[in-house]
Amino acid sequence: MGLGRYLLTARAMLWLHLKRAVRYKYGLINWGIIEFLYMAIYMLGALAFAPRSEWGSVSQYVFWGVLAWTLVSTPTWTIGNWVQFYINMGLWEQHETIGASHSLFLSMRIIPAVIAGFIGSLSAYGFLYATVGGNIALGANALLTLVFLLWLVLQATIYGLLLSYLSLLTSTPGPMLDVLNILLFIIGGIGIPVAKLPEGMRLFALFTPYSHASELVRWSAIGIKPYLGVMGEVAAGLLTTIGLGLTAWIVRIKAYGNARRNGIKGIGRM
């Protein structure tokens, strides 16, 4: 596929996903609020076990942890699980016929994920603001914070695609293959700074890509020193992101090869 045709295809896919996001805007709002309600359990727990005098500082990393979590958890459903709809609607065959990229189409499902994550995080901000009774920092260095948040989105997109490929390969819904999502929030350095984790959990977190980007988000937003230092987190984050990308690429080759050799199979329901 030539560059011009590729860009034209990408534009058409982008238009489709944006159109669908607008059409289902109330569903996205509902999804974002439900995401916030789930996270409210964590937020209330964190505040309940902290002295009231420390609520202001605790609410800072609670908010950024919630924001990071919403960005990395929603692609499990919007990308990883959406491949079931993609196949059932016959889009696989259509895109195969015209030589369009399945990965590009599925990756653009990050759009509703980011929208829902933004709504959930905005709700969390309002909740913490009302509870703590003070302002919550929105980023000491807004530009760097945005860069590191986008890095989290990139990692989540790759992970969502990995689940899609595994789902295609095994005919199993993406969420049933996702055994790490909630685990990563608890002991993966997303909801809690790596330095505050027990030693065994800390070692696990350092081998996951999300922890490094999350550490850098906290550093740029509220000044919490990264566990490995800024450059150490950047280096470790790049290595783990590349490792995640290579894993997704290998599984993609196997999944596509199997589908083209044996035919596409429907993905079972949960």
Protein backbone atom coordinates (compact mmCIF):
# COMPACT_ATOMS: atom_id res chain seq x y z
CA MET A 1 0.00 0.00 0.00
CA GLY A 2 1.44 3.36 -1.06
CA LEU A 3 1.81 6.22 1.40
CA GLY A 4 -0.97 8.25 -0.20
CA ARG A 5 -3.41 5.35 -0.06
CA TYR A 6 -2.33 4.54 3.51
CA LEU A 7 -3.01 8.12 4.64
CA LEU A 8 -6.38 8.11 2.88
CA THR A 9 -7.30 4.83 4.61
CA ALA A 10 -6.15 6.19 7.97
CA ARG A 11 -8.26 9.31 7.45
CA ALA A 12 -11.34 7.22 6.67
CA MET A 13 -10.77 5.06 9.76
CA LEU A 14 -10.28 8.13 11.94
CA TRP A 15 -13.50 9.67 10.61
CA LEU A 16 -15.39 6.45 11.36
CA HIS A 17 -14.17 6.22 14.95
CA LEU A 18 -14.80 9.90 15.67
CA LYS A 19 -18.27 9.61 14.15
CA ARG A 20 -19.01 6.58 16.29
CA ALA A 21 -17.72 8.34 19.43
CA VAL A 22 -20.08 11.27 18.80
CA ARG A 23 -22.99 8.94 18.09
CA TYR A 24 -22.47 7.08 21.37
CA LYS A 25 -21.52 10.11 23.44
CA TYR A 26 -23.97 9.34 26.25
CA GLY A 27 -22.63 5.81 26.50
CA LEU A 28 -19.11 7.22 26.83
CA ILE A 29 -20.23 9.60 29.57
CA ASN A 30 -21.88 6.72 31.40
CA TRP A 31 -18.77 4.58 30.97
CA GLY A 32 -16.51 7.32 32.33
CA ILE A 33 -18.66 7.83 35.40
CA ILE A 34 -18.80 4.08 36.09
CA GLU A 35 -15.01 3.97 35.80
CA PHE A 36 -14.84 6.74 38.40
CA LEU A 37 -17.22 4.91 40.73
CA TYR A 38 -14.97 1.84 40.65
CA MET A 39 -11.97 4.00 41.43
CA ALA A 40 -13.86 5.76 44.23
CA ILE A 41 -13.37 2.59 46.30
CA TYR A 42 -9.60 3.06 46.03
CA MET A 43 -9.79 6.81 46.66
CA LEU A 44 -11.94 6.44 49.77
CA GLY A 45 -9.69 3.65 51.05
CA ALA A 46 -6.55 5.74 50.58
CA LEU A 47 -8.09 8.71 52.43
CA ALA A 48 -9.59 6.53 55.17
CA PHE A 49 -6.19 5.10 56.14
CA ALA A 50 -4.40 8.46 56.06
CA PRO A 51 -4.52 11.08 58.83
CA ARG A 52 -6.81 13.93 57.93
CA SER A 53 -3.86 16.31 58.10
CA GLU A 54 -2.27 14.40 55.19
CA TRP A 55 -5.33 14.27 52.95
CA GLY A 56 -4.04 17.12 50.82
CA SER A 57 -0.78 15.37 49.90
CA VAL A 58 -2.39 11.90 49.65
CA SER A 59 -5.06 13.20 47.28
CA GLN A 60 -2.31 14.39 44.93
CA TYR A 61 -0.89 10.98 44.07
CA VAL A 62 -4.34 9.36 44.39
CA PHE A 63 -5.65 11.59 41.60
CA TRP A 64 -2.69 10.98 39.29
CA GLY A 65 -2.88 7.27 40.01
CA VAL A 66 -6.57 7.25 39.06
CA LEU A 67 -5.85 9.22 35.88
CA ALA A 68 -3.09 6.80 34.87
CA TRP A 69 -5.31 3.82 35.65
CA THR A 70 -8.22 5.02 33.54
CA LEU A 71 -5.87 5.54 30.59
CA VAL A 72 -4.38 2.05 30.81
CA SER A 73 -7.46 0.02 31.76
CA THR A 74 -10.07 1.14 29.24
CA PRO A 75 -8.15 -0.08 26.13
CA THR A 76 -8.58 -3.62 27.46
CA TRP A 77 -12.22 -3.26 26.45
CA THR A 78 -12.11 -0.70 23.64
CA ILE A 79 -9.33 -2.51 21.75
CA GLY A 80 -8.80 -5.94 23.28
CA ASN A 81 -12.48 -6.88 23.43
CA TRP A 82 -13.63 -4.98 20.34
CA VAL A 83 -11.98 -7.46 17.97
CA GLN A 84 -14.99 -9.72 18.67
CA PHE A 85 -17.31 -7.08 17.19
CA TYR A 86 -14.77 -6.46 14.41
CA ILE A 87 -14.95 -10.09 13.29
CA ASN A 88 -18.68 -10.58 13.79
CA MET A 89 -19.45 -7.54 11.63
CA GLY A 90 -17.36 -8.94 8.80
CA LEU A 91 -14.81 -6.10 8.94
CA TRP A 92 -11.89 -8.53 8.94
CA GLU A 93 -12.82 -9.89 5.51
CA GLN A 94 -13.53 -6.42 4.11
CA HIS A 95 -10.19 -5.04 5.23
CA GLU A 96 -8.35 -8.14 4.05
CA THR A 97 -9.88 -7.69 0.60
CA ILE A 98 -8.72 -4.09 0.22
CA GLY A 99 -5.42 -4.57 2.06
CA ALA A 100 -6.29 -2.22 4.92
CA SER A 101 -4.45 -2.47 8.23
CA HIS A 102 -6.36 -4.31 10.95
CA SER A 103 -3.96 -3.01 13.59
CA LEU A 104 -4.43 0.60 12.53
CA PHE A 105 -8.21 0.26 12.63
CA LEU A 106 -8.20 -1.41 16.05
CA SER A 107 -5.64 1.00 17.51
CA MET A 108 -7.92 3.94 16.75
CA ARG A 109 -10.30 2.50 19.31
CA ILE A 110 -8.06 4.35 21.76
CA ILE A 111 -10.18 7.43 20.97
CA PRO A 112 -13.25 6.39 23.03
CA ALA A 113 -10.90 5.00 25.70
CA VAL A 114 -9.24 8.39 26.17
CA ILE A 115 -12.61 10.17 26.17
CA ALA A 116 -14.03 7.84 28.82
CA GLY A 117 -10.80 8.11 30.82
CA PHE A 118 -10.96 11.91 30.72
CA ILE A 119 -14.57 11.91 31.95
CA GLY A 120 -13.72 9.47 34.75
CA SER A 121 -10.67 11.49 35.79
CA LEU A 122 -12.63 14.73 35.75
CA SER A 123 -15.22 13.11 38.03
CA ALA A 124 -12.41 11.90 40.31
CA TYR A 125 -10.96 15.41 40.44
CA GLY A 126 -14.32 16.87 41.44
CA PHE A 127 -14.79 14.18 44.08
CA LEU A 128 -11.36 14.72 45.64
CA TYR A 129 -11.71 18.50 45.45
CA ALA A 130 -15.00 18.33 47.34
CA THR A 131 -13.66 15.80 49.86
CA VAL A 132 -10.29 17.37 50.60
CA GLY A 133 -11.56 20.92 50.34
CA GLY A 134 -8.56 22.23 48.48
CA ASN A 135 -6.93 22.42 45.10
CA ILE A 136 -5.26 19.40 43.48
CA ALA A 137 -2.23 20.12 41.34
CA LEU A 138 -2.87 19.61 37.65
CA GLY A 139 0.81 19.47 36.76
CA ALA A 140 3.87 21.35 37.93
CA ASN A 141 5.23 20.88 34.40
CA ALA A 142 2.13 20.53 32.24
CA LEU A 143 3.97 19.80 28.98
CA LEU A 144 6.07 16.98 30.41
CA THR A 145 3.05 15.58 32.22
CA LEU A 146 1.14 15.48 28.92
CA VAL A 147 4.07 13.73 27.20
CA PHE A 148 4.24 11.02 29.87
CA LEU A 149 0.46 10.57 29.85
CA LEU A 150 0.60 10.08 26.09
CA TRP A 151 3.34 7.53 26.69
CA LEU A 152 0.93 5.64 28.95
CA VAL A 153 -1.70 5.82 26.20
CA LEU A 154 0.79 4.38 23.70
CA GLN A 155 1.65 1.50 26.06
CA ALA A 156 -2.03 0.83 26.70
CA THR A 157 -2.73 0.81 22.95
CA ILE A 158 0.01 -1.77 22.36
CA TYR A 159 -1.31 -3.88 25.23
CA GLY A 160 -4.85 -3.64 23.85
CA LEU A 161 -3.60 -4.77 20.44
CA LEU A 162 -1.75 -7.66 22.09
CA LEU A 163 -5.02 -8.79 23.66
CA SER A 164 -6.73 -8.46 20.26
CA TYR A 165 -4.13 -10.69 18.61
CA LEU A 166 -4.34 -13.24 21.42
CA SER A 167 -8.12 -13.16 21.14
CA LEU A 168 -7.89 -13.73 17.39
CA LEU A 169 -5.43 -16.57 17.91
CA THR A 170 -7.36 -18.37 20.67
CA SER A 171 -10.99 -17.38 19.85
CA THR A 172 -11.27 -16.15 23.43
CA PRO A 173 -12.64 -12.71 24.44
CA GLY A 174 -9.91 -10.22 25.31
CA PRO A 175 -10.99 -9.55 28.94
CA MET A 176 -10.77 -13.29 29.69
CA LEU A 177 -7.14 -13.20 28.55
CA ASP A 178 -6.33 -10.12 30.60
CA VAL A 179 -4.95 -11.40 33.89
CA LEU A 180 -2.73 -8.43 34.67
CA ASN A 181 -4.94 -5.35 34.47
CA ILE A 182 -6.15 -4.93 38.05
CA LEU A 183 -2.97 -6.56 39.35
CA LEU A 184 -0.85 -3.88 37.68
CA PHE A 185 -2.83 -1.13 39.37
CA ILE A 186 -2.31 -2.64 42.82
CA ILE A 187 1.32 -3.78 42.64
CA GLY A 188 2.48 -2.42 39.30
CA GLY A 189 3.39 1.09 40.35
CA ILE A 190 0.33 2.79 38.85
CA GLY A 191 -1.86 3.53 41.85
CA ILE A 192 0.99 3.59 44.37
CA PRO A 193 4.52 5.02 43.93
CA VAL A 194 7.06 2.24 43.44
CA ALA A 195 9.07 3.34 46.48
CA LYS A 196 6.06 2.69 48.73
CA LEU A 197 5.61 -0.91 47.55
CA PRO A 198 6.99 -3.91 49.47
CA GLU A 199 10.28 -5.16 48.03
CA GLY A 200 8.86 -8.15 46.14
CA MET A 201 6.09 -6.08 44.58
CA ARG A 202 8.58 -3.33 43.79
CA LEU A 203 10.69 -5.75 41.75
CA PHE A 204 7.59 -6.89 39.84
CA ALA A 205 6.60 -3.28 39.13
CA LEU A 206 10.03 -2.44 37.71
CA PHE A 207 9.60 -5.10 35.01
CA THR A 208 6.30 -3.63 33.81
CA PRO A 209 6.13 -0.70 31.35
CA TYR A 210 3.30 1.19 33.06
CA SER A 211 5.22 1.74 36.30
CA HIS A 212 7.94 3.84 34.68
CA ALA A 213 5.60 6.15 32.78
CA SER A 214 3.45 6.48 35.94
CA GLU A 215 6.51 7.39 38.02
CA LEU A 216 7.38 10.08 35.47
CA VAL A 217 3.81 11.40 35.49
CA ARG A 218 3.93 11.78 39.29
CA TRP A 219 7.34 13.44 39.07
CA SER A 220 6.32 15.99 36.43
CA ALA A 221 2.92 16.66 38.00
CA ILE A 222 3.55 16.80 41.74
CA GLY A 223 7.29 16.44 42.16
CA ILE A 224 7.49 12.92 43.61
CA LYS A 225 11.01 11.64 42.96
CA PRO A 226 11.00 8.64 40.55
CA TYR A 227 12.33 5.43 42.06
CA LEU A 228 15.05 5.00 39.40
CA GLY A 229 15.59 8.70 38.84
CA VAL A 230 14.28 10.53 35.79
CA MET A 231 16.76 9.17 33.25
CA GLY A 232 16.61 5.71 34.81
CA GLU A 233 12.82 5.64 34.46
CA VAL A 234 13.03 6.89 30.87
CA ALA A 235 15.55 4.16 29.97
CA ALA A 236 13.63 1.40 31.77
CA GLY A 237 10.37 2.65 30.29
CA LEU A 238 11.76 2.56 26.76
CA LEU A 239 13.12 -0.96 27.23
CA THR A 240 9.87 -2.35 28.64
CA THR A 241 7.79 -0.55 26.00
CA ILE A 242 9.94 -2.04 23.25
CA GLY A 243 9.60 -5.46 24.87
CA LEU A 244 5.82 -5.07 24.97
CA GLY A 245 5.79 -3.96 21.34
CA LEU A 246 7.94 -6.90 20.20
CA THR A 247 5.67 -9.33 22.05
CA ALA A 248 2.60 -7.84 20.37
CA TRP A 249 4.34 -7.96 16.97
CA ILE A 250 5.26 -11.66 17.34
CA VAL A 251 1.73 -12.60 18.47
CA ARG A 252 0.32 -10.53 15.60
CA ILE A 253 2.34 -12.51 13.04
CA LYS A 254 1.12 -15.81 14.52
CA ALA A 255 -2.51 -14.64 14.77
CA TYR A 256 -2.65 -13.23 11.24
CA GLY A 257 -0.88 -16.24 9.78
CA ASN A 258 -3.29 -18.63 11.49
CA ALA A 259 -6.33 -16.62 10.38
CA ARG A 260 -5.18 -16.43 6.76
CA ARG A 261 -4.21 -20.09 6.65
CA ASN A 262 -7.17 -21.64 8.47
CA GLY A 263 -9.82 -18.96 8.12
CA ILE A 264 -11.22 -16.57 10.67
CA LYS A 265 -13.14 -17.97 13.62
CA GLY A 266 -15.79 -16.31 15.73
CA ILE A 267 -14.76 -15.32 19.23
CA GLY A 268 -16.73 -17.00 21.99
CA ARG A 269 -18.85 -15.11 24.47
CA MET A 270 -18.05 -14.80 28.13
